[in-house]
């Protein structure tokens, strides 16, 4: 799956689950600081990634750096998908 397709799906999920006063979510928007995704949001996002993309995210990968933006989440998913093949 292409990176832009992954980003689109993740962005759609974040926008629907964590509405943020009408601001537009960009792939580089800081989810933890600017979009107010909290620890429960990270867990929900993690479950979405595992269900939507069929990837297994290791505990070691649950870091602020990986969950910082739609783009960093997409890179994590793309890396996991390439390991599955």
N, C-alpha and C. Protein backbone atom coordinates (compact mmCIF):
# COMPACT_ATOMS: atom_id res chain seq x y z
N UNK A 1 0.85 -1.17 0.00
CA UNK A 1 0.00 0.00 0.00
C UNK A 1 0.90 1.24 0.00
N UNK A 2 0.53 2.22 -0.79
CA UNK A 2 1.30 3.45 -0.91
C UNK A 2 1.16 4.32 0.34
N UNK A 3 2.19 5.10 0.63
CA UNK A 3 2.20 5.94 1.82
C UNK A 3 1.03 6.92 1.83
N UNK A 4 0.71 7.52 0.68
CA UNK A 4 -0.39 8.49 0.65
C UNK A 4 -1.74 7.84 0.95
N UNK A 5 -1.91 6.58 0.58
CA UNK A 5 -3.15 5.86 0.90
C UNK A 5 -3.25 5.61 2.41
N UNK A 6 -2.13 5.25 3.00
CA UNK A 6 -2.10 5.02 4.45
C UNK A 6 -2.40 6.32 5.18
N UNK A 7 -1.77 7.41 4.74
CA UNK A 7 -1.98 8.72 5.37
C UNK A 7 -3.45 9.13 5.28
N UNK A 8 -4.07 8.90 4.14
CA UNK A 8 -5.47 9.27 3.96
C UNK A 8 -6.38 8.53 4.94
N UNK A 9 -6.15 7.23 5.11
CA UNK A 9 -6.97 6.44 6.03
C UNK A 9 -6.76 6.87 7.48
N UNK A 10 -5.52 7.10 7.85
CA UNK A 10 -5.23 7.51 9.23
C UNK A 10 -5.78 8.91 9.49
N UNK A 11 -5.61 9.81 8.54
CA UNK A 11 -6.13 11.17 8.70
C UNK A 11 -7.65 11.15 8.87
N UNK A 12 -8.34 10.35 8.07
CA UNK A 12 -9.79 10.22 8.19
C UNK A 12 -10.20 9.71 9.56
N UNK A 13 -9.48 8.73 10.07
CA UNK A 13 -9.77 8.20 11.40
C UNK A 13 -9.57 9.27 12.47
N UNK A 14 -8.44 9.94 12.44
CA UNK A 14 -8.14 10.96 13.45
C UNK A 14 -9.18 12.08 13.41
N UNK A 15 -9.53 12.54 12.23
CA UNK A 15 -10.52 13.62 12.10
C UNK A 15 -11.88 13.20 12.63
N UNK A 16 -12.27 11.95 12.42
CA UNK A 16 -13.59 11.51 12.88
C UNK A 16 -13.61 11.20 14.37
N UNK A 17 -12.52 10.67 14.90
CA UNK A 17 -12.47 10.29 16.31
C UNK A 17 -12.10 11.43 17.25
N UNK A 18 -11.32 12.38 16.74
CA UNK A 18 -10.80 13.46 17.58
C UNK A 18 -11.02 14.81 16.91
N UNK A 19 -12.28 15.24 16.78
CA UNK A 19 -12.54 16.53 16.13
C UNK A 19 -11.85 17.67 16.88
N UNK A 20 -11.34 18.63 16.13
CA UNK A 20 -10.56 19.70 16.74
C UNK A 20 -10.99 21.07 16.22
N UNK A 21 -12.09 21.55 16.68
CA UNK A 21 -12.60 22.91 16.44
C UNK A 21 -12.45 23.41 15.01
N UNK A 22 -12.71 22.57 14.05
CA UNK A 22 -12.75 22.99 12.67
C UNK A 22 -11.40 23.19 11.99
N UNK A 23 -10.30 22.98 12.70
CA UNK A 23 -9.00 23.11 12.06
C UNK A 23 -8.79 21.95 11.10
N UNK A 24 -8.04 22.21 10.04
CA UNK A 24 -7.75 21.16 9.08
C UNK A 24 -6.53 20.37 9.54
N UNK A 25 -6.66 19.07 9.52
CA UNK A 25 -5.57 18.19 9.92
C UNK A 25 -4.66 17.95 8.73
N UNK A 26 -3.41 18.31 8.87
CA UNK A 26 -2.39 18.05 7.86
C UNK A 26 -1.61 16.80 8.26
N UNK A 27 -0.88 16.23 7.30
CA UNK A 27 -0.09 15.04 7.61
C UNK A 27 1.02 15.32 8.61
N UNK A 28 1.42 16.58 8.73
CA UNK A 28 2.51 16.94 9.65
C UNK A 28 2.03 17.63 10.93
N UNK A 29 0.71 17.77 11.10
CA UNK A 29 0.18 18.37 12.32
C UNK A 29 0.61 17.53 13.53
N UNK A 30 1.09 18.19 14.57
CA UNK A 30 1.50 17.49 15.77
C UNK A 30 0.25 17.04 16.53
N UNK A 31 0.00 15.74 16.51
CA UNK A 31 -1.22 15.19 17.12
C UNK A 31 -1.21 15.31 18.63
N UNK A 32 -0.05 15.22 19.23
CA UNK A 32 0.05 15.22 20.69
C UNK A 32 -0.03 16.63 21.26
N UNK A 33 0.45 17.62 20.53
CA UNK A 33 0.45 18.99 21.04
C UNK A 33 -0.67 19.84 20.44
N UNK A 34 -0.89 19.72 19.14
CA UNK A 34 -1.84 20.60 18.45
C UNK A 34 -3.22 20.00 18.26
N UNK A 35 -3.30 18.69 18.26
CA UNK A 35 -4.60 18.04 18.00
C UNK A 35 -5.17 17.42 19.26
N UNK A 36 -4.45 17.46 20.33
CA UNK A 36 -4.91 17.03 21.65
C UNK A 36 -5.30 15.55 21.71
N UNK A 37 -4.52 14.72 21.03
CA UNK A 37 -4.71 13.27 21.17
C UNK A 37 -3.99 12.87 22.46
N UNK A 38 -4.74 12.28 23.39
CA UNK A 38 -4.17 11.91 24.68
C UNK A 38 -3.86 10.41 24.73
N UNK A 39 -3.56 9.89 25.91
CA UNK A 39 -3.18 8.48 26.03
C UNK A 39 -4.30 7.54 25.61
N UNK A 40 -5.55 7.90 25.90
CA UNK A 40 -6.66 7.07 25.44
C UNK A 40 -6.77 7.13 23.92
N UNK A 41 -6.50 8.29 23.37
CA UNK A 41 -6.51 8.44 21.92
C UNK A 41 -5.43 7.61 21.25
N UNK A 42 -4.28 7.52 21.90
CA UNK A 42 -3.20 6.70 21.36
C UNK A 42 -3.62 5.24 21.34
N UNK A 43 -4.27 4.78 22.39
CA UNK A 43 -4.75 3.39 22.44
C UNK A 43 -5.78 3.15 21.35
N UNK A 44 -6.72 4.07 21.18
CA UNK A 44 -7.73 3.92 20.12
C UNK A 44 -7.08 3.91 18.74
N UNK A 45 -6.09 4.78 18.55
CA UNK A 45 -5.39 4.84 17.27
C UNK A 45 -4.62 3.55 17.03
N UNK A 46 -3.99 3.04 18.06
CA UNK A 46 -3.26 1.77 17.96
C UNK A 46 -4.19 0.64 17.54
N UNK A 47 -5.36 0.56 18.16
CA UNK A 47 -6.33 -0.48 17.79
C UNK A 47 -6.79 -0.29 16.34
N UNK A 48 -7.00 0.96 15.92
CA UNK A 48 -7.38 1.23 14.54
C UNK A 48 -6.30 0.74 13.58
N UNK A 49 -5.05 1.06 13.86
CA UNK A 49 -3.95 0.64 12.97
C UNK A 49 -3.89 -0.87 12.85
N UNK A 50 -4.04 -1.55 13.97
CA UNK A 50 -3.97 -3.01 13.94
C UNK A 50 -5.15 -3.61 13.20
N UNK A 51 -6.35 -3.06 13.39
CA UNK A 51 -7.54 -3.59 12.72
C UNK A 51 -7.60 -3.21 11.25
N UNK A 52 -7.31 -1.96 10.94
CA UNK A 52 -7.43 -1.46 9.56
C UNK A 52 -6.35 -2.02 8.64
N UNK A 53 -5.13 -2.10 9.15
CA UNK A 53 -4.01 -2.48 8.29
C UNK A 53 -3.48 -3.88 8.58
N UNK A 54 -3.98 -4.53 9.63
CA UNK A 54 -3.55 -5.88 9.95
C UNK A 54 -2.10 -5.95 10.39
N UNK A 55 -1.63 -4.88 11.03
CA UNK A 55 -0.25 -4.86 11.49
C UNK A 55 -0.22 -5.03 13.01
N UNK A 56 0.90 -5.52 13.50
CA UNK A 56 1.10 -5.67 14.93
C UNK A 56 2.13 -4.63 15.35
N UNK A 57 1.74 -3.70 16.20
CA UNK A 57 2.64 -2.65 16.66
C UNK A 57 3.23 -3.08 18.00
N UNK A 58 4.55 -3.19 18.05
CA UNK A 58 5.24 -3.59 19.27
C UNK A 58 5.20 -2.48 20.32
N UNK A 59 5.29 -2.88 21.56
CA UNK A 59 5.32 -1.89 22.66
C UNK A 59 6.44 -0.87 22.46
N UNK A 60 7.58 -1.36 21.97
CA UNK A 60 8.73 -0.48 21.77
C UNK A 60 8.45 0.62 20.74
N UNK A 61 7.46 0.39 19.88
CA UNK A 61 7.12 1.36 18.84
C UNK A 61 6.09 2.39 19.30
N UNK A 62 5.57 2.23 20.50
CA UNK A 62 4.58 3.18 21.02
C UNK A 62 5.35 4.31 21.70
N UNK A 63 5.83 5.23 20.86
CA UNK A 63 6.63 6.35 21.33
C UNK A 63 6.02 7.66 20.83
N UNK A 64 6.33 8.76 21.51
CA UNK A 64 5.83 10.05 21.02
C UNK A 64 6.28 10.34 19.59
N UNK A 65 7.47 9.90 19.23
CA UNK A 65 7.96 10.13 17.87
C UNK A 65 7.12 9.44 16.82
N UNK A 66 6.70 8.21 17.08
CA UNK A 66 5.88 7.47 16.11
C UNK A 66 4.44 7.96 16.07
N UNK A 67 3.96 8.50 17.18
CA UNK A 67 2.56 8.94 17.25
C UNK A 67 2.45 10.47 17.13
N UNK A 68 3.50 11.11 16.65
CA UNK A 68 3.53 12.57 16.57
C UNK A 68 2.59 13.13 15.51
N UNK A 69 2.50 12.46 14.36
CA UNK A 69 1.71 13.01 13.26
C UNK A 69 1.14 11.88 12.41
N UNK A 70 0.26 12.25 11.51
CA UNK A 70 -0.28 11.28 10.56
C UNK A 70 0.87 10.68 9.75
N UNK A 71 1.83 11.51 9.37
CA UNK A 71 2.95 11.04 8.57
C UNK A 71 3.80 10.02 9.33
N UNK A 72 4.13 10.29 10.59
CA UNK A 72 4.96 9.34 11.33
C UNK A 72 4.21 8.04 11.60
N UNK A 73 2.92 8.13 11.84
CA UNK A 73 2.11 6.91 11.99
C UNK A 73 2.10 6.11 10.70
N UNK A 74 2.00 6.81 9.58
CA UNK A 74 1.95 6.14 8.28
C UNK A 74 3.27 5.44 7.98
N UNK A 75 4.37 6.07 8.33
CA UNK A 75 5.68 5.43 8.14
C UNK A 75 5.79 4.17 8.99
N UNK A 76 5.28 4.22 10.21
CA UNK A 76 5.28 3.05 11.08
C UNK A 76 4.47 1.92 10.45
N UNK A 77 3.28 2.23 9.96
CA UNK A 77 2.43 1.22 9.33
C UNK A 77 3.10 0.68 8.07
N UNK A 78 3.64 1.56 7.25
CA UNK A 78 4.28 1.11 6.01
C UNK A 78 5.45 0.17 6.32
N UNK A 79 6.22 0.48 7.36
CA UNK A 79 7.31 -0.39 7.76
C UNK A 79 6.82 -1.75 8.22
N UNK A 80 5.74 -1.77 8.97
CA UNK A 80 5.16 -3.03 9.43
C UNK A 80 4.60 -3.83 8.25
N UNK A 81 3.96 -3.14 7.31
CA UNK A 81 3.41 -3.84 6.14
C UNK A 81 4.52 -4.46 5.30
N UNK A 82 5.64 -3.79 5.18
CA UNK A 82 6.74 -4.33 4.39
C UNK A 82 7.38 -5.53 5.08
N UNK A 83 7.29 -5.60 6.41
CA UNK A 83 7.80 -6.75 7.15
C UNK A 83 6.90 -7.97 7.01
N UNK A 84 5.61 -7.74 6.69
CA UNK A 84 4.65 -8.83 6.57
C UNK A 84 4.87 -9.61 5.27
N UNK A 85 5.32 -8.90 4.24
CA UNK A 85 5.47 -9.53 2.91
C UNK A 85 6.56 -10.55 2.87
